[in-house]
Protein backbone atom coordinates (compact mmCIF):
# COMPACT_ATOMS: atom_id res chain seq x y z
CA ILE A 1 147.67 132.06 78.63
CA ALA A 2 145.97 135.32 78.87
CA THR A 3 145.84 138.51 80.52
CA ASP A 4 143.11 140.51 78.64
CA ALA A 5 139.42 140.04 79.06
CA ALA A 6 138.39 139.12 75.97
CA THR A 7 140.30 136.17 75.65
CA LEU A 8 139.85 135.05 79.01
CA LEU A 9 136.27 134.90 78.35
CA VAL A 10 136.92 132.94 75.17
CA LEU A 11 139.12 130.56 77.55
CA SER A 12 136.22 130.12 79.87
CA GLN A 13 133.55 129.48 77.09
CA ALA A 14 136.01 126.80 75.60
CA ILE A 15 136.55 124.90 79.05
CA ASP A 16 132.54 124.83 79.25
CA ALA A 17 132.29 123.40 76.09
CA ALA A 18 134.78 121.01 76.39
CA GLU A 19 133.21 119.67 79.58
CA ALA A 20 129.48 119.55 77.94
CA ILE A 21 130.74 117.36 75.57
CA SER A 22 128.77 114.43 75.53
CA LEU A 23 129.01 111.68 72.62
CA THR A 24 126.38 109.37 73.91
CA ALA A 25 123.62 112.11 72.90
CA LYS A 26 122.11 111.88 69.58
CA THR A 27 123.10 115.28 68.69
CA HIS A 28 126.19 116.44 69.19
CA ARG A 29 126.82 120.50 68.69
CA PRO A 30 129.62 121.32 67.03
CA ILE A 31 132.09 124.03 67.82
CA LEU A 32 133.06 127.08 65.36
CA ILE A 33 136.78 128.66 66.13
CA THR A 34 137.09 132.02 64.39
CA GLY A 35 139.85 134.31 64.21
CA ALA A 36 142.80 135.90 62.15
CA SER A 37 145.90 134.18 61.11
CA GLY A 38 147.99 132.96 63.95
CA THR A 39 145.88 133.35 66.86
CA GLY A 40 146.46 129.97 68.31
CA LYS A 41 142.93 128.43 66.53
CA GLU A 42 144.31 124.77 66.38
CA LEU A 43 146.44 124.91 69.67
CA LEU A 44 142.62 125.84 71.04
CA ALA A 45 141.09 122.97 69.65
CA ASP A 46 143.33 120.70 71.07
CA ALA A 47 142.90 122.02 74.22
CA ILE A 48 139.35 121.43 74.13
CA TYR A 49 140.30 118.30 73.30
CA LYS A 50 142.60 117.62 75.93
CA CYS A 51 139.90 118.87 78.51
CA ALA A 52 137.29 116.52 77.58
CA LEU A 53 139.47 113.73 77.84
CA ALA A 54 140.45 114.34 81.09
CA HIS A 55 137.31 115.08 82.15
CA LYS A 56 136.41 111.41 80.33
CA ARG A 57 133.92 113.26 77.55
CA ILE A 58 135.61 111.58 74.42
CA GLN A 59 137.77 108.93 73.60
CA PRO A 60 141.68 109.56 72.70
CA LYS A 61 141.08 110.00 69.10
CA PHE A 62 141.97 113.51 67.57
CA GLU A 63 142.22 113.48 64.06
CA THR A 64 142.80 116.52 62.19
CA ILE A 65 141.88 117.91 58.06
CA HIS A 66 143.46 121.04 57.17
CA VAL A 67 141.33 121.73 53.96
CA ALA A 68 143.63 124.96 52.62
CA GLY A 69 144.78 124.23 49.40
CA MET A 70 143.47 120.70 48.43
CA ASN A 71 140.96 119.99 45.92
CA ALA A 72 137.67 119.03 46.35
CA ASP A 73 137.84 115.53 45.33
CA LEU A 74 140.68 114.84 47.75
CA ILE A 75 138.97 116.91 50.63
CA ASN A 76 135.89 114.73 50.08
CA ASP A 77 138.01 111.64 49.86
CA GLU A 78 140.00 112.53 53.00
CA ILE A 79 136.29 113.47 55.65
CA PHE A 80 134.83 110.66 54.32
CA GLY A 81 136.93 107.63 52.96
CA HIS A 82 136.12 105.60 49.64
CA ILE A 83 135.18 102.14 48.96
CA LYS A 84 137.36 99.39 46.83
CA GLY A 85 136.67 100.41 42.98
CA ALA A 86 135.44 104.39 43.97
CA TYR A 87 137.70 105.07 41.22
CA THR A 88 140.35 104.00 39.08
CA SER A 89 143.14 104.29 41.95
CA ALA A 90 141.12 102.73 44.81
CA ASP A 91 142.23 99.58 44.79
CA GLN A 92 142.31 99.19 48.73
CA PRO A 93 139.27 100.99 50.89
CA ARG A 94 140.20 103.64 53.05
CA ALA A 95 138.70 105.00 56.42
CA GLY A 96 137.86 108.80 56.22
CA LYS A 97 139.22 111.04 59.38
CA ILE A 98 135.34 111.09 60.49
CA GLU A 99 135.70 107.35 60.49
CA ALA A 100 138.79 107.48 62.04
CA ALA A 101 137.57 110.37 64.90
CA ASP A 102 134.72 107.81 65.84
CA GLY A 103 134.29 108.33 69.47
CA GLY A 104 136.65 111.12 69.57
CA VAL A 105 137.24 114.87 67.71
CA LEU A 106 137.30 115.83 64.33
CA PHE A 107 139.21 118.94 63.75
CA ILE A 108 138.52 120.72 60.00
CA ASP A 109 141.08 123.66 60.12
CA GLU A 110 140.07 126.13 57.14
CA VAL A 111 136.35 125.17 57.06
CA GLY A 112 135.86 128.12 55.06
CA ASP A 113 137.58 126.64 51.90
CA LEU A 114 135.22 123.78 52.05
CA PRO A 115 133.66 123.34 48.39
CA ARG A 116 130.03 123.22 48.49
CA GLU A 117 129.62 119.48 47.90
CA ALA A 118 131.63 118.95 51.12
CA GLN A 119 129.89 121.48 52.66
CA LEU A 120 126.44 119.53 51.75
CA ARG A 121 127.94 115.95 52.91
CA LEU A 122 129.23 117.84 56.36
CA LEU A 123 125.92 119.27 57.18
CA ARG A 124 124.12 116.04 56.68
CA PHE A 125 126.42 114.56 58.64
CA LEU A 126 126.06 116.81 61.65
CA GLN A 127 122.28 116.41 61.33
CA ASP A 128 122.11 113.15 61.92
CA GLN A 129 125.45 111.28 62.53
CA ARG A 130 125.14 109.45 59.58
CA PHE A 131 127.93 109.23 56.84
CA SER A 132 128.74 106.96 53.53
CA ARG A 133 132.41 106.24 51.99
CA ASN A 134 132.63 107.43 48.39
CA GLY A 135 131.25 104.62 46.20
CA ASP A 136 129.44 103.49 49.00
CA ASN A 137 125.19 103.08 48.70
CA LYS A 138 125.32 102.21 52.59
CA SER A 139 125.53 104.72 55.40
CA LYS A 140 127.23 104.37 58.63
CA GLU A 141 127.20 106.08 62.03
CA ALA A 142 129.94 107.43 63.68
CA HIS A 143 129.69 109.85 67.17
CA VAL A 144 132.10 112.76 66.49
CA GLN A 145 133.04 116.07 68.07
CA ILE A 146 133.27 118.24 65.41
CA ILE A 147 135.46 121.52 65.81
CA ALA A 148 136.40 123.69 62.33
CA ALA A 149 138.17 126.57 62.67
CA THR A 150 138.71 129.64 60.01
CA TRP A 151 139.93 132.97 59.27
CA HIS A 152 137.00 133.37 57.12
CA ASP A 153 134.25 136.04 57.63
CA LEU A 154 131.37 133.09 57.18
CA GLY A 155 128.80 135.39 57.07
CA ASP A 156 130.64 137.69 54.30
CA ASP A 157 131.13 134.24 52.63
CA VAL A 158 127.32 133.49 52.61
CA LYS A 159 126.70 136.47 50.79
CA LYS A 160 129.20 135.34 48.07
CA GLY A 161 127.87 132.07 47.67
CA SER A 162 130.69 130.23 48.76
CA PHE A 163 129.45 129.02 51.80
CA ARG A 164 126.24 127.20 53.13
CA LEU A 165 123.89 129.79 55.22
CA ASP A 166 122.08 126.10 56.86
CA LEU A 167 125.86 124.82 57.42
CA LEU A 168 127.02 128.24 59.29
CA HIS A 169 123.64 128.07 61.38
CA ARG A 170 124.92 124.60 62.47
CA LEU A 171 128.56 125.20 63.20
CA ARG A 172 127.96 128.37 64.74
CA ALA A 173 126.19 126.45 67.54
CA LEU A 174 128.94 127.37 69.95
CA HIS A 175 131.34 129.94 68.24
CA LEU A 176 134.68 131.30 69.96
CA GLU A 177 136.17 133.77 68.52
CA LEU A 178 140.45 134.39 69.26
CA PRO A 179 140.77 138.28 69.23
CA SER A 180 144.41 139.01 67.50
CA LEU A 181 147.47 139.84 69.38
CA ASN A 182 147.03 143.23 69.29
CA HIS A 183 143.64 143.55 70.75
CA ARG A 184 145.24 141.35 73.95
CA MET A 185 146.23 143.92 76.49
CA GLY A 186 149.26 143.04 78.67
CA PHE A 187 150.18 140.11 76.65
CA GLU A 188 153.82 141.40 76.53
CA TRP A 189 154.17 140.48 80.44
CA GLU A 190 152.88 136.62 80.81
CA VAL A 191 152.24 135.66 77.54
CA LEU A 192 155.59 136.54 76.34
CA ASP A 193 157.66 135.41 79.76
CA ARG A 194 155.79 132.04 78.99
CA MET A 195 156.55 131.91 75.20
CA LEU A 196 160.06 132.41 76.28
CA GLN A 197 160.24 129.48 78.65
CA ARG A 198 158.72 127.42 76.35
CA HIS A 199 161.96 128.20 74.31
CA ASP A 200 164.03 127.60 77.49
CA HIS A 201 165.06 131.12 78.17
CA PRO A 202 166.10 131.28 81.51
CA ALA A 203 164.27 132.90 84.22
CA GLU A 204 167.12 134.42 85.37
CA ARG A 205 168.10 136.10 82.34
CA ARG A 206 167.03 139.50 82.21
CA VAL A 207 164.31 140.97 79.43
CA ARG A 208 165.01 144.58 79.24
CA THR A 209 161.75 147.01 79.45
CA THR A 210 162.33 148.45 76.15
CA PHE A 211 162.42 144.71 74.68
CA ARG A 212 158.66 144.47 75.50
CA THR A 213 158.01 147.96 74.57
CA ALA A 214 158.68 147.29 71.46
CA VAL A 215 156.80 144.03 71.48
CA MET A 216 153.51 145.68 72.52
CA TYR A 217 153.58 148.53 69.87
CA HIS A 218 154.38 146.06 66.67
CA ALA A 219 151.45 145.48 64.35
CA TRP A 220 152.14 141.30 64.47
CA GLU A 221 149.84 140.76 61.37
CA GLY A 222 150.84 137.33 61.84
CA ASN A 223 149.70 137.48 65.54
CA LEU A 224 150.94 134.59 67.68
CA ARG A 225 152.65 132.69 64.99
CA GLU A 226 155.09 135.91 64.14
CA LEU A 227 155.41 136.47 67.77
CA ASN A 228 156.86 133.25 68.21
CA PHE A 229 159.26 133.38 65.27
CA ALA A 230 160.44 136.85 66.66
CA LEU A 231 161.29 135.59 70.19
CA ARG A 232 163.32 132.74 68.28
CA GLU A 233 165.43 135.04 65.89
CA ALA A 234 166.02 137.44 69.26
CA MET A 235 167.29 135.05 71.44
CA SER A 236 169.09 133.50 68.81
CA ASN A 237 170.84 137.16 68.33
CA ALA A 238 170.87 137.80 71.84
CA GLY A 239 172.87 134.55 72.90
CA GLN A 240 173.33 134.40 76.58
CA SER A 241 173.31 137.98 77.04
CA GLU A 242 169.68 139.62 77.99
CA LEU A 243 167.04 140.39 75.50
CA GLN A 244 166.88 143.61 74.13
CA VAL A 245 165.40 145.79 71.37
CA GLU A 246 168.11 145.31 68.71
CA ASP A 247 167.80 141.57 69.24
CA LEU A 248 164.42 142.12 67.46
CA PRO A 249 163.70 141.37 64.13
CA ALA A 250 164.11 144.59 61.60
CA SER A 251 160.23 144.80 61.24
CA VAL A 252 159.91 144.78 65.33
CA ARG A 253 162.69 147.51 65.59
CA SER A 254 161.13 149.66 62.66
CA SER A 255 157.90 149.71 64.48
CA TYR A 256 160.04 150.85 68.12
CA ALA A 257 161.88 153.51 66.13
CA THR A 258 158.26 155.57 65.13
CA LEU A 259 157.84 155.76 68.81
CA SER A 260 160.87 158.32 69.61
């Protein structure tokens, strides 16, 4: 849901990207989604998948790997899998996310945290859609639409030497950048109302204008995620009454207090 021009443009680009997905092509164009934490990158990836699925561009497969906090060995195993005996505890073969997503979508969250070895293996897969399980000398083919997301400035990461320039060029074939919430003009109306509906807030129950004003002027460093938690707290505090400034978390009330 969007009312501002920047987000509407991103959503339009996302729809075009979903409708253009073709896993029968020899190479597949990856999609890179960037934006600050909490802006809805995984939600957008899921929406692209559902749109492509509705247009019968892919199979009903959506695999996710959250890279942040994982060590290099675990990341490689999660993405590429392993054969029996690949390492000490590998008593059974295991398919990785790429293999599981064959014909569908693999969403790589926080791709900026990928270790260099995994970056190289991912780059090779993007080039020819072939991969090898850990410990296997034979390669396999899989047709997968890669959607990657990160809050990192990957250009800066390239300069620091922590991210490969060739992988960045490959991932940036289609780049969607979600704006921060405080850059989305008018979100305190349609977006706010839709989020309240998702929390079962009755449409007839009033939301005071001052409540919307307080929401509009808060910095929202946590973006949609922070707003979601704030609305939950406000609804809990309000009970069956109308939503007003006093129901919002202290941090939001403090932002509002500076306006007077």
